[in-house]
């Protein structure tokens, strides 16, 4: 009896040339198409209860983040350092940063903020 391989074929075409758009644009399209669809569930922990969010809720929250970053002077290509626990808040911050045209980094440490074009969020 043969078992199917669980490893992907390294010679398979991954269709990299079929760029569908930036992830935040694809997300925004899905939020408009499916506003009430469940997007993310954050499991309960010792400091937070389980929370569920729809595409539209995350879309709106990330728009608020993007607008705030732009008001604070973030420009296309700037790097925003995001210091957040790995949960819904991190997802919102990443999407908002991308919507503002910036790149993001999740620091391992907050003691060194780097150059003047790096902003800690």
N, C-alpha and C. Protein backbone atom coordinates (compact mmCIF):
# COMPACT_ATOMS: atom_id res chain seq x y z
N UNK A 1 0.85 -1.18 0.00
CA UNK A 1 0.00 0.00 0.00
C UNK A 1 0.89 1.24 0.00
N UNK A 2 0.65 2.12 -0.93
CA UNK A 2 1.44 3.35 -0.99
C UNK A 2 0.65 4.50 -0.37
N UNK A 3 1.38 5.37 0.26
CA UNK A 3 0.77 6.53 0.90
C UNK A 3 1.09 7.77 0.08
N UNK A 4 0.11 8.64 -0.11
CA UNK A 4 0.40 9.87 -0.85
C UNK A 4 1.41 10.72 -0.08
N UNK A 5 2.24 11.38 -0.82
CA UNK A 5 3.26 12.22 -0.21
C UNK A 5 2.62 13.43 0.45
N UNK A 6 3.08 13.76 1.65
CA UNK A 6 2.57 14.96 2.33
C UNK A 6 3.42 16.18 2.01
N UNK A 7 4.52 15.95 1.32
CA UNK A 7 5.39 17.05 0.93
C UNK A 7 4.98 17.58 -0.43
N UNK A 8 5.03 18.89 -0.62
CA UNK A 8 4.67 19.43 -1.93
C UNK A 8 5.72 19.07 -2.98
N UNK A 9 5.29 19.08 -4.22
CA UNK A 9 6.20 18.81 -5.34
C UNK A 9 7.07 20.05 -5.54
N UNK A 10 8.39 19.95 -5.34
CA UNK A 10 9.26 21.12 -5.47
C UNK A 10 9.38 21.64 -6.90
N UNK A 11 8.90 20.88 -7.87
CA UNK A 11 8.97 21.32 -9.27
C UNK A 11 7.63 21.90 -9.76
N UNK A 12 6.61 21.90 -8.90
CA UNK A 12 5.28 22.38 -9.30
C UNK A 12 5.30 23.89 -9.52
N UNK A 13 4.53 24.33 -10.50
CA UNK A 13 4.39 25.76 -10.78
C UNK A 13 3.54 26.39 -9.68
N UNK A 14 4.07 27.38 -8.99
CA UNK A 14 3.35 28.03 -7.90
C UNK A 14 2.58 29.27 -8.36
N UNK A 15 2.62 29.53 -9.65
CA UNK A 15 1.86 30.63 -10.25
C UNK A 15 2.21 31.99 -9.64
N UNK A 16 3.48 32.21 -9.39
CA UNK A 16 3.93 33.48 -8.82
C UNK A 16 3.64 34.65 -9.76
N UNK A 17 3.54 34.37 -11.05
CA UNK A 17 3.31 35.46 -12.01
C UNK A 17 1.85 35.91 -12.03
N UNK A 18 0.98 35.24 -11.29
CA UNK A 18 -0.44 35.60 -11.28
C UNK A 18 -0.77 36.44 -10.05
N UNK A 19 -0.07 37.55 -9.91
CA UNK A 19 -0.25 38.44 -8.76
C UNK A 19 -1.68 38.94 -8.71
N UNK A 20 -2.36 38.71 -7.60
CA UNK A 20 -3.77 39.08 -7.46
C UNK A 20 -3.95 40.41 -6.77
N UNK A 21 -2.87 41.00 -6.29
CA UNK A 21 -2.97 42.29 -5.60
C UNK A 21 -2.38 42.22 -4.21
N UNK A 22 -2.29 43.39 -3.60
CA UNK A 22 -1.75 43.47 -2.25
C UNK A 22 -2.74 42.84 -1.27
N UNK A 23 -2.22 42.23 -0.22
CA UNK A 23 -3.06 41.50 0.73
C UNK A 23 -4.11 42.40 1.37
N UNK A 24 -3.76 43.65 1.67
CA UNK A 24 -4.75 44.53 2.30
C UNK A 24 -5.85 44.93 1.32
N UNK A 25 -5.54 44.99 0.03
CA UNK A 25 -6.57 45.28 -0.98
C UNK A 25 -7.50 44.08 -1.16
N UNK A 26 -6.94 42.89 -1.17
CA UNK A 26 -7.75 41.68 -1.28
C UNK A 26 -8.65 41.56 -0.05
N UNK A 27 -8.09 41.85 1.12
CA UNK A 27 -8.88 41.81 2.34
C UNK A 27 -10.04 42.81 2.27
N UNK A 28 -9.76 44.04 1.83
CA UNK A 28 -10.80 45.06 1.74
C UNK A 28 -11.92 44.62 0.79
N UNK A 29 -11.56 44.01 -0.32
CA UNK A 29 -12.57 43.50 -1.26
C UNK A 29 -13.45 42.45 -0.59
N UNK A 30 -12.82 41.55 0.16
CA UNK A 30 -13.59 40.52 0.86
C UNK A 30 -14.47 41.11 1.95
N UNK A 31 -14.00 42.17 2.60
CA UNK A 31 -14.81 42.82 3.64
C UNK A 31 -16.06 43.44 3.04
N UNK A 32 -15.96 43.97 1.83
CA UNK A 32 -17.13 44.54 1.15
C UNK A 32 -18.06 43.43 0.67
N UNK A 33 -17.49 42.37 0.13
CA UNK A 33 -18.30 41.25 -0.38
C UNK A 33 -18.98 40.45 0.74
N UNK A 34 -18.28 40.29 1.86
CA UNK A 34 -18.76 39.42 2.94
C UNK A 34 -18.62 40.12 4.30
N UNK A 35 -19.29 41.26 4.49
CA UNK A 35 -19.06 42.05 5.70
C UNK A 35 -19.39 41.32 7.00
N UNK A 36 -20.38 40.45 6.98
CA UNK A 36 -20.81 39.78 8.21
C UNK A 36 -20.17 38.41 8.42
N UNK A 37 -19.31 38.02 7.51
CA UNK A 37 -18.65 36.72 7.62
C UNK A 37 -17.60 36.78 8.73
N UNK A 38 -17.55 35.72 9.53
CA UNK A 38 -16.57 35.64 10.60
C UNK A 38 -15.17 35.63 10.01
N UNK A 39 -14.30 36.50 10.50
CA UNK A 39 -12.93 36.61 10.00
C UNK A 39 -11.92 35.99 10.96
N UNK A 40 -12.07 36.30 12.24
CA UNK A 40 -11.09 35.81 13.19
C UNK A 40 -11.75 35.59 14.55
N UNK A 41 -11.30 34.54 15.24
CA UNK A 41 -11.72 34.27 16.60
C UNK A 41 -10.46 34.24 17.45
N UNK A 42 -10.45 35.09 18.46
CA UNK A 42 -9.32 35.12 19.38
C UNK A 42 -9.71 34.28 20.58
N UNK A 43 -8.93 33.25 20.85
CA UNK A 43 -9.26 32.36 21.95
C UNK A 43 -9.03 33.03 23.30
N UNK A 44 -9.73 32.55 24.28
CA UNK A 44 -9.63 33.11 25.62
C UNK A 44 -8.25 32.83 26.21
N UNK A 45 -7.82 33.73 27.07
CA UNK A 45 -6.57 33.54 27.80
C UNK A 45 -6.80 34.00 29.23
N UNK A 46 -5.72 34.05 29.99
CA UNK A 46 -5.85 34.45 31.39
C UNK A 46 -6.23 35.92 31.54
N UNK A 47 -6.03 36.73 30.49
CA UNK A 47 -6.33 38.16 30.61
C UNK A 47 -7.38 38.66 29.63
N UNK A 48 -7.94 37.78 28.81
CA UNK A 48 -8.96 38.23 27.85
C UNK A 48 -9.94 37.10 27.56
N UNK A 49 -11.21 37.47 27.40
CA UNK A 49 -12.22 36.49 27.03
C UNK A 49 -12.16 36.23 25.53
N UNK A 50 -12.77 35.13 25.10
CA UNK A 50 -12.81 34.84 23.67
C UNK A 50 -13.55 35.96 22.96
N UNK A 51 -12.99 36.39 21.82
CA UNK A 51 -13.59 37.46 21.02
C UNK A 51 -13.68 37.00 19.57
N UNK A 52 -14.77 37.37 18.90
CA UNK A 52 -14.97 37.05 17.49
C UNK A 52 -15.20 38.34 16.72
N UNK A 53 -14.65 38.39 15.50
CA UNK A 53 -14.76 39.59 14.69
C UNK A 53 -15.08 39.23 13.25
N UNK A 54 -15.92 40.06 12.63
CA UNK A 54 -16.26 39.88 11.22
C UNK A 54 -15.23 40.60 10.34
N UNK A 55 -15.33 40.32 9.06
CA UNK A 55 -14.47 41.02 8.10
C UNK A 55 -14.66 42.53 8.21
N UNK A 56 -15.94 42.97 8.32
CA UNK A 56 -16.21 44.39 8.34
C UNK A 56 -15.64 45.05 9.59
N UNK A 57 -15.75 44.41 10.74
CA UNK A 57 -15.21 44.97 11.97
C UNK A 57 -13.69 45.16 11.88
N UNK A 58 -13.00 44.17 11.36
CA UNK A 58 -11.55 44.28 11.23
C UNK A 58 -11.19 45.31 10.17
N UNK A 59 -11.96 45.37 9.10
CA UNK A 59 -11.74 46.37 8.05
C UNK A 59 -11.87 47.78 8.62
N UNK A 60 -12.92 48.03 9.37
CA UNK A 60 -13.14 49.35 9.95
C UNK A 60 -12.05 49.69 10.97
N UNK A 61 -11.70 48.75 11.82
CA UNK A 61 -10.68 49.01 12.84
C UNK A 61 -9.33 49.29 12.19
N UNK A 62 -8.98 48.55 11.14
CA UNK A 62 -7.69 48.77 10.48
C UNK A 62 -7.70 50.10 9.70
N UNK A 63 -8.87 50.53 9.24
CA UNK A 63 -8.96 51.86 8.61
C UNK A 63 -8.67 52.96 9.62
N UNK A 64 -9.14 52.80 10.85
CA UNK A 64 -8.86 53.77 11.90
C UNK A 64 -7.36 53.85 12.15
N UNK A 65 -6.71 52.69 12.22
CA UNK A 65 -5.26 52.65 12.43
C UNK A 65 -4.55 53.35 11.27
N UNK A 66 -4.95 53.03 10.04
CA UNK A 66 -4.32 53.64 8.86
C UNK A 66 -4.46 55.15 8.88
N UNK A 67 -5.65 55.64 9.18
CA UNK A 67 -5.87 57.09 9.22
C UNK A 67 -5.02 57.75 10.30
N UNK A 68 -4.90 57.11 11.44
CA UNK A 68 -4.09 57.68 12.53
C UNK A 68 -2.62 57.73 12.12
N UNK A 69 -2.13 56.68 11.50
CA UNK A 69 -0.74 56.67 11.06
C UNK A 69 -0.49 57.78 10.04
N UNK A 70 -1.40 57.94 9.10
CA UNK A 70 -1.26 59.00 8.10
C UNK A 70 -1.31 60.39 8.74
N UNK A 71 -2.19 60.57 9.70
CA UNK A 71 -2.27 61.85 10.41
C UNK A 71 -0.98 62.14 11.19
N UNK A 72 -0.34 61.08 11.66
CA UNK A 72 0.91 61.23 12.42
C UNK A 72 2.14 61.37 11.51
N UNK A 73 1.92 61.39 10.20
CA UNK A 73 3.02 61.64 9.28
C UNK A 73 3.67 60.44 8.64
N UNK A 74 3.09 59.26 8.81
CA UNK A 74 3.64 58.08 8.14
C UNK A 74 3.55 58.29 6.63
N UNK A 75 4.63 57.94 5.94
CA UNK A 75 4.66 58.06 4.49
C UNK A 75 4.92 56.70 3.88
N UNK A 76 4.56 56.59 2.62
CA UNK A 76 4.76 55.34 1.89
C UNK A 76 6.22 54.90 2.02
N UNK A 77 6.41 53.66 2.41
CA UNK A 77 7.74 53.10 2.53
C UNK A 77 8.33 53.20 3.93
N UNK A 78 7.72 53.99 4.82
CA UNK A 78 8.19 54.03 6.20
C UNK A 78 7.99 52.66 6.84
N UNK A 79 8.73 52.40 7.90
CA UNK A 79 8.60 51.15 8.63
C UNK A 79 7.96 51.45 9.98
N UNK A 80 6.89 50.73 10.29
CA UNK A 80 6.20 50.87 11.56
C UNK A 80 6.51 49.64 12.40
N UNK A 81 7.06 49.87 13.58
CA UNK A 81 7.32 48.78 14.51
C UNK A 81 6.04 48.54 15.31
N UNK A 82 5.55 47.32 15.32
CA UNK A 82 4.31 46.99 16.03
C UNK A 82 4.66 46.11 17.22
N UNK A 83 4.33 46.61 18.39
CA UNK A 83 4.57 45.86 19.61
C UNK A 83 3.21 45.47 20.18
N UNK A 84 2.80 44.23 19.96
CA UNK A 84 1.49 43.76 20.42
C UNK A 84 1.57 42.26 20.65
N UNK A 85 0.70 41.78 21.51
CA UNK A 85 0.63 40.33 21.68
C UNK A 85 0.05 39.74 20.39
N UNK A 86 0.25 38.48 20.20
CA UNK A 86 -0.17 37.84 18.95
C UNK A 86 -1.66 37.51 19.01
N UNK A 87 -2.46 38.50 18.64
CA UNK A 87 -3.90 38.34 18.66
C UNK A 87 -4.55 39.26 17.66
N UNK A 88 -5.82 39.54 17.87
CA UNK A 88 -6.59 40.37 16.95
C UNK A 88 -5.98 41.76 16.81
N UNK A 89 -5.50 42.33 17.91
CA UNK A 89 -4.91 43.67 17.85
C UNK A 89 -3.72 43.72 16.90
N UNK A 90 -2.95 42.66 16.86
CA UNK A 90 -1.80 42.59 15.95
C UNK A 90 -2.29 42.55 14.50
N UNK A 91 -3.33 41.77 14.23
CA UNK A 91 -3.90 41.69 12.87
C UNK A 91 -4.38 43.07 12.42
N UNK A 92 -5.09 43.78 13.30
CA UNK A 92 -5.59 45.11 12.97
C UNK A 92 -4.44 46.07 12.72
N UNK A 93 -3.42 46.02 13.56
CA UNK A 93 -2.27 46.92 13.40
C UNK A 93 -1.53 46.65 12.09
N UNK A 94 -1.33 45.39 11.75
CA UNK A 94 -0.63 45.03 10.51
C UNK A 94 -1.43 45.51 9.30
N UNK A 95 -2.73 45.21 9.27
CA UNK A 95 -3.55 45.65 8.13
C UNK A 95 -3.59 47.17 8.03
N UNK A 96 -3.73 47.85 9.16
CA UNK A 96 -3.76 49.31 9.14
C UNK A 96 -2.46 49.89 8.64
N UNK A 97 -1.36 49.31 9.03
CA UNK A 97 -0.04 49.76 8.58
C UNK A 97 0.09 49.60 7.07
N UNK A 98 -0.32 48.45 6.56
CA UNK A 98 -0.25 48.21 5.12
C UNK A 98 -1.18 49.15 4.36
N UNK A 99 -2.37 49.40 4.88
CA UNK A 99 -3.30 50.33 4.24
C UNK A 99 -2.74 51.74 4.18
N UNK A 100 -1.91 52.10 5.16
CA UNK A 100 -1.29 53.43 5.18
C UNK A 100 -0.10 53.52 4.22
N UNK A 101 0.25 52.40 3.60
CA UNK A 101 1.35 52.40 2.64
C UNK A 101 2.71 52.13 3.25
N UNK A 102 2.73 51.79 4.52
CA UNK A 102 3.99 51.53 5.20
C UNK A 102 4.27 50.03 5.27
N UNK A 103 5.49 49.72 5.63
CA UNK A 103 5.88 48.35 5.92
C UNK A 103 5.83 48.19 7.43
N UNK A 104 5.87 46.95 7.90
CA UNK A 104 5.81 46.74 9.34
C UNK A 104 6.88 45.74 9.77
N UNK A 105 7.19 45.83 11.04
CA UNK A 105 8.09 44.89 11.68
C UNK A 105 7.57 44.64 13.07
N UNK A 106 7.62 43.41 13.51
CA UNK A 106 7.25 43.07 14.88
C UNK A 106 8.55 42.85 15.62
N UNK A 107 8.92 43.80 16.50
CA UNK A 107 10.24 43.72 17.15
C UNK A 107 10.34 42.60 18.16
N UNK A 108 11.55 42.08 18.27
CA UNK A 108 11.83 41.11 19.33
C UNK A 108 12.06 41.84 20.64
N UNK A 109 12.47 43.10 20.56
CA UNK A 109 12.76 43.91 21.72
C UNK A 109 12.35 45.35 21.41
N UNK A 110 11.96 46.10 22.44
CA UNK A 110 11.53 47.48 22.21
C UNK A 110 12.57 48.49 22.64
N UNK A 111 13.75 48.06 23.04
CA UNK A 111 14.75 49.00 23.56
C UNK A 111 15.40 49.83 22.48
N UNK A 112 15.42 49.38 21.23
CA UNK A 112 16.08 50.12 20.15
C UNK A 112 15.09 50.37 19.04
N UNK A 113 14.69 51.62 18.83
CA UNK A 113 13.70 51.94 17.81
C UNK A 113 14.30 52.25 16.45
N UNK A 114 15.60 52.25 16.33
CA UNK A 114 16.23 52.41 15.03
C UNK A 114 16.27 53.84 14.54
N UNK A 115 16.21 54.00 13.24
CA UNK A 115 16.40 55.31 12.61
C UNK A 115 15.15 56.18 12.70
N UNK A 116 15.27 57.40 12.19
CA UNK A 116 14.19 58.38 12.26
C UNK A 116 12.97 57.99 11.43
N UNK A 117 13.15 57.14 10.41
CA UNK A 117 11.98 56.77 9.61
C UNK A 117 11.33 55.49 10.10
N UNK A 118 11.62 55.07 11.32
CA UNK A 118 10.97 53.93 11.95
C UNK A 118 10.08 54.44 13.08
N UNK A 119 8.83 54.05 13.06
CA UNK A 119 7.86 54.55 14.03
C UNK A 119 7.32 53.39 14.86
N UNK A 120 7.33 53.54 16.17
CA UNK A 120 6.80 52.51 17.07
C UNK A 120 5.32 52.76 17.27
N UNK A 121 4.50 51.76 16.97
CA UNK A 121 3.06 51.88 17.10
C UNK A 121 2.62 51.12 18.33
